[in-house]
Amino acid sequence: MSGHSKWATIKRKKGAADAKRSNMFAKLLRAVEVAAREGGGNVDGNMTLASAVEKARAFSVPNDNIDRAIKRGTGELEGGARYEEITYEGYAPGGIALVVEALTDNRNRTAQEVRHAFTRNGGNLGETGSTLWMFQRKGVFVVEKSLAPDEERLLELALEGGAEDLNDEGSSWDIVTAPQDFKAVEGALHAAGVAVDSSEISMIPTTTIPVDGGDARHVLQLIDALEELDDVQNVYANFDIPEEVMASL
């Protein structure tokens, strides 16, 4: 599982601070709007939109807000800024590779803010292509083991739905799928009554780097600083930090 996804799951369980809630809503709705603009407003035919909508619902964004964001994206409603997608690449302390996805209406402002976050937290912003090659875009469904069928049954359901793999992540299972199979796997899990903790189209590292102790704290501080930026949508990392260490931090 990508470091970002594991860290995000732990933070979601602990609960987001109220002060950050509106900021998160705005980010999630921005992603929905751009996905609808780029690929159309049909959730069944637009996997990026399906993932953005599922993520927004997971954070309890009201359905009316989601519907309006889709309509702004398709042009049915006017208003809002024109956003462009930008990807930044770099390294956290300990040589951890990062991929930062942003949606912005001001490229210069976002670049300056991202660069400052890297510098202030001991990281290095890299050139285009420096880290992206270490990641693959995949659909990821997280299923808590305490609520899941046994491993053999879950694997059977996942593969029948079109998934590629089932990974053991300690207290949870990761069901990994190609992006184009996201909706089919989601439907299969839902039909079987499997409780999915989270689901999204993500960037999965092809290899991970073990991190512990002080380095883990510094890596997560940089990721937090990047995620707090208004224009940053996702931060993906190839660290492998034990769940108990992340939870303690």
C-alpha atoms as a PDB file:
ATOM      1  CA  MET A   1       0.000   0.000   0.000  1.00  0.00           C
ATOM      2  CA  SER A   2       1.283   3.480  -0.713  1.00  0.00           C
ATOM      3  CA  GLY A   3       2.561   5.390   2.273  1.00  0.00           C
ATOM      4  CA  HIS A   4       0.079   8.151   1.589  1.00  0.00           C
ATOM      5  CA  SER A   5      -2.882   5.777   1.622  1.00  0.00           C
ATOM      6  CA  LYS A   6      -1.857   4.090   4.866  1.00  0.00           C
ATOM      7  CA  TRP A   7      -1.228   7.442   6.559  1.00  0.00           C
ATOM      8  CA  ALA A   8      -4.519   8.834   5.244  1.00  0.00           C
ATOM      9  CA  THR A   9      -6.422   5.840   6.614  1.00  0.00           C
ATOM     10  CA  ILE A  10      -4.973   6.336  10.084  1.00  0.00           C
ATOM     11  CA  LYS A  11      -5.729  10.068  10.041  1.00  0.00           C
ATOM     12  CA  ARG A  12      -9.300   9.426   8.917  1.00  0.00           C
ATOM     13  CA  LYS A  13      -9.813   6.969  11.799  1.00  0.00           C
ATOM     14  CA  LYS A  14      -8.518   9.511  14.296  1.00  0.00           C
ATOM     15  CA  GLY A  15     -10.853  12.139  12.853  1.00  0.00           C
ATOM     16  CA  ALA A  16     -10.014  15.362  11.042  1.00  0.00           C
ATOM     17  CA  ALA A  17      -9.904  18.607  13.005  1.00  0.00           C
ATOM     18  CA  ASP A  18     -12.977  20.790  12.487  1.00  0.00           C
ATOM     19  CA  ALA A  19     -10.770  23.683  11.404  1.00  0.00           C
ATOM     20  CA  LYS A  20      -9.539  21.608   8.446  1.00  0.00           C
ATOM     21  CA  ARG A  21     -12.944  20.201   7.477  1.00  0.00           C
ATOM     22  CA  SER A  22     -14.014  23.022   5.159  1.00  0.00           C
ATOM     23  CA  ASN A  23     -10.583  23.016   3.529  1.00  0.00           C
ATOM     24  CA  MET A  24     -10.878  19.269   2.859  1.00  0.00           C
ATOM     25  CA  PHE A  25     -14.386  19.694   1.456  1.00  0.00           C
ATOM     26  CA  ALA A  26     -13.135  22.347  -0.958  1.00  0.00           C
ATOM     27  CA  LYS A  27     -10.290  20.106  -2.151  1.00  0.00           C
ATOM     28  CA  LEU A  28     -12.531  17.116  -2.667  1.00  0.00           C
ATOM     29  CA  LEU A  29     -15.124  19.126  -4.586  1.00  0.00           C
ATOM     30  CA  ARG A  30     -12.401  20.673  -6.745  1.00  0.00           C
ATOM     31  CA  ALA A  31     -11.269  17.162  -7.709  1.00  0.00           C
ATOM     32  CA  VAL A  32     -14.851  16.165  -8.566  1.00  0.00           C
ATOM     33  CA  GLU A  33     -15.322  19.276 -10.724  1.00  0.00           C
ATOM     34  CA  VAL A  34     -12.093  18.773 -12.679  1.00  0.00           C
ATOM     35  CA  ALA A  35     -12.764  15.058 -13.183  1.00  0.00           C
ATOM     36  CA  ALA A  36     -16.206  15.857 -14.597  1.00  0.00           C
ATOM     37  CA  ARG A  37     -14.748  18.535 -16.866  1.00  0.00           C
ATOM     38  CA  GLU A  38     -12.044  16.236 -18.210  1.00  0.00           C
ATOM     39  CA  GLY A  39     -14.024  13.007 -18.583  1.00  0.00           C
ATOM     40  CA  GLY A  40     -17.722  13.866 -18.434  1.00  0.00           C
ATOM     41  CA  GLY A  41     -20.307  13.747 -15.680  1.00  0.00           C
ATOM     42  CA  ASN A  42     -21.252  10.051 -15.950  1.00  0.00           C
ATOM     43  CA  VAL A  43     -19.810   8.301 -12.906  1.00  0.00           C
ATOM     44  CA  ASP A  44     -20.151   4.869 -14.506  1.00  0.00           C
ATOM     45  CA  GLY A  45     -18.129   5.920 -17.543  1.00  0.00           C
ATOM     46  CA  ASN A  46     -15.539   8.135 -15.834  1.00  0.00           C
ATOM     47  CA  MET A  47     -13.341   6.208 -13.383  1.00  0.00           C
ATOM     48  CA  THR A  48     -11.515   9.319 -12.190  1.00  0.00           C
ATOM     49  CA  LEU A  49     -14.842  10.933 -11.354  1.00  0.00           C
ATOM     50  CA  ALA A  50     -16.065   7.753  -9.654  1.00  0.00           C
ATOM     51  CA  SER A  51     -12.977   7.731  -7.438  1.00  0.00           C
ATOM     52  CA  ALA A  52     -13.318  11.454  -6.627  1.00  0.00           C
ATOM     53  CA  VAL A  53     -16.994  11.056  -5.734  1.00  0.00           C
ATOM     54  CA  GLU A  54     -16.325   8.014  -3.531  1.00  0.00           C
ATOM     55  CA  LYS A  55     -13.574   9.869  -1.700  1.00  0.00           C
ATOM     56  CA  ALA A  56     -15.808  12.907  -1.167  1.00  0.00           C
ATOM     57  CA  ARG A  57     -18.587  10.716   0.224  1.00  0.00           C
ATOM     58  CA  ALA A  58     -16.115   8.973   2.532  1.00  0.00           C
ATOM     59  CA  PHE A  59     -15.417  12.365   4.102  1.00  0.00           C
ATOM     60  CA  SER A  60     -19.170  13.057   4.406  1.00  0.00           C
ATOM     61  CA  VAL A  61     -19.321  15.778   1.754  1.00  0.00           C
ATOM     62  CA  PRO A  62     -23.068  16.431   1.148  1.00  0.00           C
ATOM     63  CA  ASN A  63     -24.462  14.896  -2.053  1.00  0.00           C
ATOM     64  CA  ASP A  64     -25.896  18.255  -3.149  1.00  0.00           C
ATOM     65  CA  ASN A  65     -22.401  19.770  -3.082  1.00  0.00           C
ATOM     66  CA  ILE A  66     -21.041  16.858  -5.089  1.00  0.00           C
ATOM     67  CA  ASP A  67     -23.823  17.166  -7.671  1.00  0.00           C
ATOM     68  CA  ARG A  68     -23.170  20.902  -8.076  1.00  0.00           C
ATOM     69  CA  ALA A  69     -19.448  20.276  -8.529  1.00  0.00           C
ATOM     70  CA  ILE A  70     -20.203  17.759 -11.294  1.00  0.00           C
ATOM     71  CA  LYS A  71     -22.514  20.247 -13.006  1.00  0.00           C
ATOM     72  CA  ARG A  72     -19.882  23.003 -12.800  1.00  0.00           C
ATOM     73  CA  GLY A  73     -17.431  20.611 -14.403  1.00  0.00           C
ATOM     74  CA  THR A  74     -19.773  19.709 -17.256  1.00  0.00           C
ATOM     75  CA  GLY A  75     -20.810  23.337 -17.795  1.00  0.00           C
ATOM     76  CA  GLU A  76     -24.408  22.911 -16.595  1.00  0.00           C
ATOM     77  CA  LEU A  77     -23.679  25.452 -13.863  1.00  0.00           C
ATOM     78  CA  GLU A  78     -21.522  28.539 -14.225  1.00  0.00           C
ATOM     79  CA  GLY A  79     -19.005  29.837 -11.745  1.00  0.00           C
ATOM     80  CA  GLY A  80     -15.738  28.770 -10.229  1.00  0.00           C
ATOM     81  CA  ALA A  81     -12.134  29.094 -11.286  1.00  0.00           C
ATOM     82  CA  ARG A  82     -10.535  27.206 -14.157  1.00  0.00           C
ATOM     83  CA  TYR A  83      -8.144  24.681 -12.626  1.00  0.00           C
ATOM     84  CA  GLU A  84      -5.238  22.853 -14.220  1.00  0.00           C
ATOM     85  CA  GLU A  85      -3.568  19.672 -13.016  1.00  0.00           C
ATOM     86  CA  ILE A  86       0.116  19.832 -12.074  1.00  0.00           C
ATOM     87  CA  THR A  87       2.339  17.063 -10.728  1.00  0.00           C
ATOM     88  CA  TYR A  88       5.450  17.753  -8.657  1.00  0.00           C
ATOM     89  CA  GLU A  89       8.133  15.218  -7.799  1.00  0.00           C
ATOM     90  CA  GLY A  90      10.715  15.189  -5.064  1.00  0.00           C
ATOM     91  CA  TYR A  91      12.264  13.502  -2.060  1.00  0.00           C
ATOM     92  CA  ALA A  92      11.549  13.492   1.666  1.00  0.00           C
ATOM     93  CA  PRO A  93      14.253  12.938   4.319  1.00  0.00           C
ATOM     94  CA  GLY A  94      15.746   9.457   4.087  1.00  0.00           C
ATOM     95  CA  GLY A  95      15.485   9.344   0.297  1.00  0.00           C
ATOM     96  CA  ILE A  96      11.720   8.715   0.290  1.00  0.00           C
ATOM     97  CA  ALA A  97      10.230   9.427  -3.151  1.00  0.00           C
ATOM     98  CA  LEU A  98       7.193  11.721  -3.307  1.00  0.00           C
ATOM     99  CA  VAL A  99       4.648  12.520  -6.017  1.00  0.00           C
ATOM    100  CA  VAL A 100       2.481  15.577  -5.359  1.00  0.00           C
ATOM    101  CA  GLU A 101      -0.714  16.141  -7.354  1.00  0.00           C
ATOM    102  CA  ALA A 102      -2.197  19.636  -7.387  1.00  0.00           C
ATOM    103  CA  LEU A 103      -5.154  21.444  -8.949  1.00  0.00           C
ATOM    104  CA  THR A 104      -4.491  25.155  -9.290  1.00  0.00           C
ATOM    105  CA  ASP A 105      -5.700  28.352 -10.902  1.00  0.00           C
ATOM    106  CA  ASN A 106      -2.280  29.976 -10.337  1.00  0.00           C
ATOM    107  CA  ARG A 107       0.694  27.852 -11.368  1.00  0.00           C
ATOM    108  CA  ASN A 108       3.321  30.249  -9.984  1.00  0.00           C
ATOM    109  CA  ARG A 109       1.705  30.466  -6.547  1.00  0.00           C
ATOM    110  CA  THR A 110       1.395  26.704  -6.227  1.00  0.00           C
ATOM    111  CA  ALA A 111       4.973  26.040  -7.343  1.00  0.00           C
ATOM    112  CA  GLN A 112       6.279  28.528  -4.792  1.00  0.00           C
ATOM    113  CA  GLU A 113       4.210  27.028  -1.963  1.00  0.00           C
ATOM    114  CA  VAL A 114       5.215  23.451  -2.800  1.00  0.00           C
ATOM    115  CA  ARG A 115       8.898  24.371  -3.062  1.00  0.00           C
ATOM    116  CA  HIS A 116       8.731  26.182   0.280  1.00  0.00           C
ATOM    117  CA  ALA A 117       7.117  23.159   1.985  1.00  0.00           C
ATOM    118  CA  PHE A 118       9.873  20.861   0.693  1.00  0.00           C
ATOM    119  CA  THR A 119      12.648  23.231   1.769  1.00  0.00           C
ATOM    120  CA  ARG A 120      11.185  24.005   5.188  1.00  0.00           C
ATOM    121  CA  ASN A 121      10.762  20.320   6.050  1.00  0.00           C
ATOM    122  CA  GLY A 122      14.082  18.886   4.913  1.00  0.00           C
ATOM    123  CA  GLY A 123      13.002  17.624   1.505  1.00  0.00           C
ATOM    124  CA  ASN A 124      14.106  18.336  -2.041  1.00  0.00           C
ATOM    125  CA  LEU A 125      11.867  19.253  -4.969  1.00  0.00           C
ATOM    126  CA  GLY A 126      13.050  17.269  -7.979  1.00  0.00           C
ATOM    127  CA  GLU A 127      12.900  17.542 -11.742  1.00  0.00           C
ATOM    128  CA  THR A 128      10.046  16.185 -13.842  1.00  0.00           C
ATOM    129  CA  GLY A 129      10.448  12.414 -14.112  1.00  0.00           C
ATOM    130  CA  SER A 130      12.661  12.063 -11.054  1.00  0.00           C
ATOM    131  CA  THR A 131      10.225   9.969  -8.978  1.00  0.00           C
ATOM    132  CA  LEU A 132       7.043   9.370 -10.998  1.00  0.00           C
ATOM    133  CA  TRP A 133       8.555   6.285 -12.644  1.00  0.00           C
ATOM    134  CA  MET A 134       8.548   4.567  -9.242  1.00  0.00           C
ATOM    135  CA  PHE A 135       4.727   4.585  -9.039  1.00  0.00           C
ATOM    136  CA  GLN A 136       1.814   3.004 -10.895  1.00  0.00           C
ATOM    137  CA  ARG A 137      -1.761   4.312 -11.014  1.00  0.00           C
ATOM    138  CA  LYS A 138      -4.088   1.711  -9.508  1.00  0.00           C
ATOM    139  CA  GLY A 139      -7.477   1.405  -7.889  1.00  0.00           C
ATOM    140  CA  VAL A 140      -7.220   0.542  -4.186  1.00  0.00           C
ATOM    141  CA  PHE A 141      -9.948  -0.767  -1.868  1.00  0.00           C
ATOM    142  CA  VAL A 142      -9.121  -0.975   1.838  1.00  0.00           C
ATOM    143  CA  VAL A 143     -11.021  -3.616   3.820  1.00  0.00           C
ATOM    144  CA  GLU A 144     -10.576  -3.897   7.591  1.00  0.00           C
ATOM    145  CA  LYS A 145      -9.716  -7.465   8.577  1.00  0.00           C
ATOM    146  CA  SER A 146     -12.097  -7.354  11.536  1.00  0.00           C
ATOM    147  CA  LEU A 147     -15.015  -6.823   9.138  1.00  0.00           C
ATOM    148  CA  ALA A 148     -13.777  -8.896   6.195  1.00  0.00           C
ATOM    149  CA  PRO A 149     -14.532 -12.435   5.054  1.00  0.00           C
ATOM    150  CA  ASP A 150     -11.669 -14.903   5.457  1.00  0.00           C
ATOM    151  CA  GLU A 151      -8.676 -14.359   3.186  1.00  0.00           C
ATOM    152  CA  GLU A 152      -9.546 -17.118   0.722  1.00  0.00           C
ATOM    153  CA  ARG A 153     -13.114 -15.868   0.249  1.00  0.00           C
ATOM    154  CA  LEU A 154     -12.072 -12.219  -0.069  1.00  0.00           C
ATOM    155  CA  LEU A 155      -9.430 -13.128  -2.654  1.00  0.00           C
ATOM    156  CA  GLU A 156     -12.015 -15.133  -4.592  1.00  0.00           C
ATOM    157  CA  LEU A 157     -14.476 -12.213  -4.597  1.00  0.00           C
ATOM    158  CA  ALA A 158     -11.794  -9.716  -5.595  1.00  0.00           C
ATOM    159  CA  LEU A 159     -10.464 -11.795  -8.500  1.00  0.00           C
ATOM    160  CA  GLU A 160     -13.954 -12.607  -9.752  1.00  0.00           C
ATOM    161  CA  GLY A 161     -14.674  -8.867  -9.827  1.00  0.00           C
ATOM    162  CA  GLY A 162     -11.542  -8.220 -11.895  1.00  0.00           C
ATOM    163  CA  ALA A 163      -9.002  -7.214  -9.238  1.00  0.00           C
ATOM    164  CA  GLU A 164      -5.292  -7.822  -9.730  1.00  0.00           C
ATOM    165  CA  ASP A 165      -4.127  -8.594  -6.217  1.00  0.00           C
ATOM    166  CA  LEU A 166      -4.903  -8.814  -2.498  1.00  0.00           C
ATOM    167  CA  ASN A 167      -2.226  -7.451  -0.169  1.00  0.00           C
ATOM    168  CA  ASP A 168      -1.874  -7.993   3.572  1.00  0.00           C
ATOM    169  CA  GLU A 169      -1.385  -4.618   5.299  1.00  0.00           C
ATOM    170  CA  GLY A 170      -1.470  -5.670   8.938  1.00  0.00           C
ATOM    171  CA  SER A 171      -4.906  -4.695  10.256  1.00  0.00           C
ATOM    172  CA  SER A 172      -6.426  -4.418   6.784  1.00  0.00           C
ATOM    173  CA  TRP A 173      -6.470  -5.898   3.280  1.00  0.00           C
ATOM    174  CA  ASP A 174      -5.687  -3.913   0.140  1.00  0.00           C
ATOM    175  CA  ILE A 175      -7.522  -4.966  -2.994  1.00  0.00           C
ATOM    176  CA  VAL A 176      -5.591  -3.605  -5.988  1.00  0.00           C
ATOM    177  CA  THR A 177      -7.084  -3.206  -9.446  1.00  0.00           C
ATOM    178  CA  ALA A 178      -6.406  -1.552 -12.782  1.00  0.00           C
ATOM    179  CA  PRO A 179      -8.148   1.850 -12.947  1.00  0.00           C
ATOM    180  CA  GLN A 180     -10.505   0.707 -15.725  1.00  0.00           C
ATOM    181  CA  ASP A 181     -11.733  -2.146 -13.503  1.00  0.00           C
ATOM    182  CA  PHE A 182     -12.432   0.090 -10.487  1.00  0.00           C
ATOM    183  CA  LYS A 183     -16.231   0.173 -10.862  1.00  0.00           C
ATOM    184  CA  ALA A 184     -16.508  -3.556 -11.611  1.00  0.00           C
ATOM    185  CA  VAL A 185     -14.567  -4.491  -8.477  1.00  0.00           C
ATOM    186  CA  GLU A 186     -16.537  -1.987  -6.430  1.00  0.00           C
ATOM    187  CA  GLY A 187     -19.784  -3.536  -7.658  1.00  0.00           C
ATOM    188  CA  ALA A 188     -18.611  -7.062  -6.876  1.00  0.00           C
ATOM    189  CA  LEU A 189     -17.605  -6.148  -3.325  1.00  0.00           C
ATOM    190  CA  HIS A 190     -20.874  -4.307  -2.740  1.00  0.00           C
ATOM    191  CA  ALA A 191     -22.935  -7.213  -4.084  1.00  0.00           C
ATOM    192  CA  ALA A 192     -21.125  -9.584  -1.722  1.00  0.00           C
ATOM    193  CA  GLY A 193     -21.732  -7.306   1.266  1.00  0.00           C
ATOM    194  CA  VAL A 194     -18.038  -6.587   1.870  1.00  0.00           C
ATOM    195  CA  ALA A 195     -17.549  -3.455   3.999  1.00  0.00           C
ATOM    196  CA  VAL A 196     -15.003  -1.203   2.263  1.00  0.00           C
ATOM    197  CA  ASP A 197     -13.227   1.265   4.548  1.00  0.00           C
ATOM    198  CA  SER A 198     -11.962   3.425   1.681  1.00  0.00           C
ATOM    199  CA  SER A 199     -11.584   3.282  -2.085  1.00  0.00           C
ATOM    200  CA  GLU A 200      -9.801   5.492  -4.583  1.00  0.00           C
ATOM    201  CA  ILE A 201      -7.653   5.667  -7.686  1.00  0.00           C
ATOM    202  CA  SER A 202      -4.180   6.049  -6.232  1.00  0.00           C
ATOM    203  CA  MET A 203      -0.489   5.969  -7.104  1.00  0.00           C
ATOM    204  CA  ILE A 204       1.119   2.791  -5.786  1.00  0.00           C
ATOM    205  CA  PRO A 205       4.904   2.541  -5.393  1.00  0.00           C
ATOM    206  CA  THR A 206       6.546  -0.376  -7.166  1.00  0.00           C
ATOM    207  CA  THR A 207       8.977  -0.753  -4.240  1.00  0.00           C
ATOM    208  CA  THR A 208       9.005   0.687  -0.720  1.00  0.00           C
ATOM    209  CA  ILE A 209      11.701   1.887   1.668  1.00  0.00           C
ATOM    210  CA  PRO A 210      11.526   0.926   5.376  1.00  0.00           C
ATOM    211  CA  VAL A 211      11.482   3.978   7.659  1.00  0.00           C
ATOM    212  CA  ASP A 212      11.391   4.119  11.449  1.00  0.00           C
ATOM    213  CA  GLY A 213      12.129   6.418  14.368  1.00  0.00           C
ATOM    214  CA  GLY A 214      13.087  10.036  13.775  1.00  0.00           C
ATOM    215  CA  ASP A 215      13.152   9.718   9.997  1.00  0.00           C
ATOM    216  CA  ALA A 216       9.508   8.608  10.061  1.00  0.00           C
ATOM    217  CA  ARG A 217       8.524  11.754  11.944  1.00  0.00           C
ATOM    218  CA  HIS A 218      10.346  13.988   9.448  1.00  0.00           C
ATOM    219  CA  VAL A 219       8.790  12.217   6.443  1.00  0.00           C
ATOM    220  CA  LEU A 220       5.272  12.569   7.836  1.00  0.00           C
ATOM    221  CA  GLN A 221       5.871  16.220   8.759  1.00  0.00           C
ATOM    222  CA  LEU A 222       6.731  16.998   5.149  1.00  0.00           C
ATOM    223  CA  ILE A 223       3.707  15.101   3.846  1.00  0.00           C
ATOM    224  CA  ASP A 224       1.439  16.918   6.303  1.00  0.00           C
ATOM    225  CA  ALA A 225       2.883  20.283   5.253  1.00  0.00           C
ATOM    226  CA  LEU A 226       2.226  19.496   1.591  1.00  0.00           C
ATOM    227  CA  GLU A 227      -1.293  18.184   2.222  1.00  0.00           C
ATOM    228  CA  GLU A 228      -2.198  21.352   4.126  1.00  0.00           C
ATOM    229  CA  LEU A 229      -1.592  23.472   1.016  1.00  0.00           C
ATOM    230  CA  ASP A 230      -4.908  24.524  -0.536  1.00  0.00           C
ATOM    231  CA  ASP A 231      -3.918  23.496  -4.064  1.00  0.00           C
ATOM    232  CA  VAL A 232      -2.466  20.068  -3.209  1.00  0.00           C
ATOM    233  CA  GLN A 233      -4.863  17.173  -3.755  1.00  0.00           C
ATOM    234  CA  ASN A 234      -2.719  14.104  -3.080  1.00  0.00           C
ATOM    235  CA  VAL A 235       0.747  13.237  -1.856  1.00  0.00           C
ATOM    236  CA  TYR A 236       2.046   9.742  -2.627  1.00  0.00           C
ATOM    237  CA  ALA A 237       5.152   8.239  -1.034  1.00  0.00           C
ATOM    238  CA  ASN A 238       7.117   5.010  -1.168  1.00  0.00           C
ATOM    239  CA  PHE A 239       7.844   4.717   2.556  1.00  0.00           C
ATOM    240  CA  ASP A 240       7.047   1.635   4.632  1.00  0.00           C
ATOM    241  CA  ILE A 241       6.378   2.768   8.195  1.00  0.00           C
ATOM    242  CA  PRO A 242       4.875   0.295  10.696  1.00  0.00           C
ATOM    243  CA  GLU A 243       1.244   1.121  11.510  1.00  0.00           C
ATOM    244  CA  GLU A 244       1.953   1.441  15.235  1.00  0.00           C
ATOM    245  CA  VAL A 245       4.697   3.995  14.531  1.00  0.00           C
ATOM    246  CA  MET A 246       2.449   6.066  12.264  1.00  0.00           C
ATOM    247  CA  ALA A 247      -0.386   5.954  14.793  1.00  0.00           C
ATOM    248  CA  SER A 248       1.936   7.153  17.577  1.00  0.00           C
ATOM    249  CA  LEU A 249       3.060  10.083  15.433  1.00  0.00           C
END
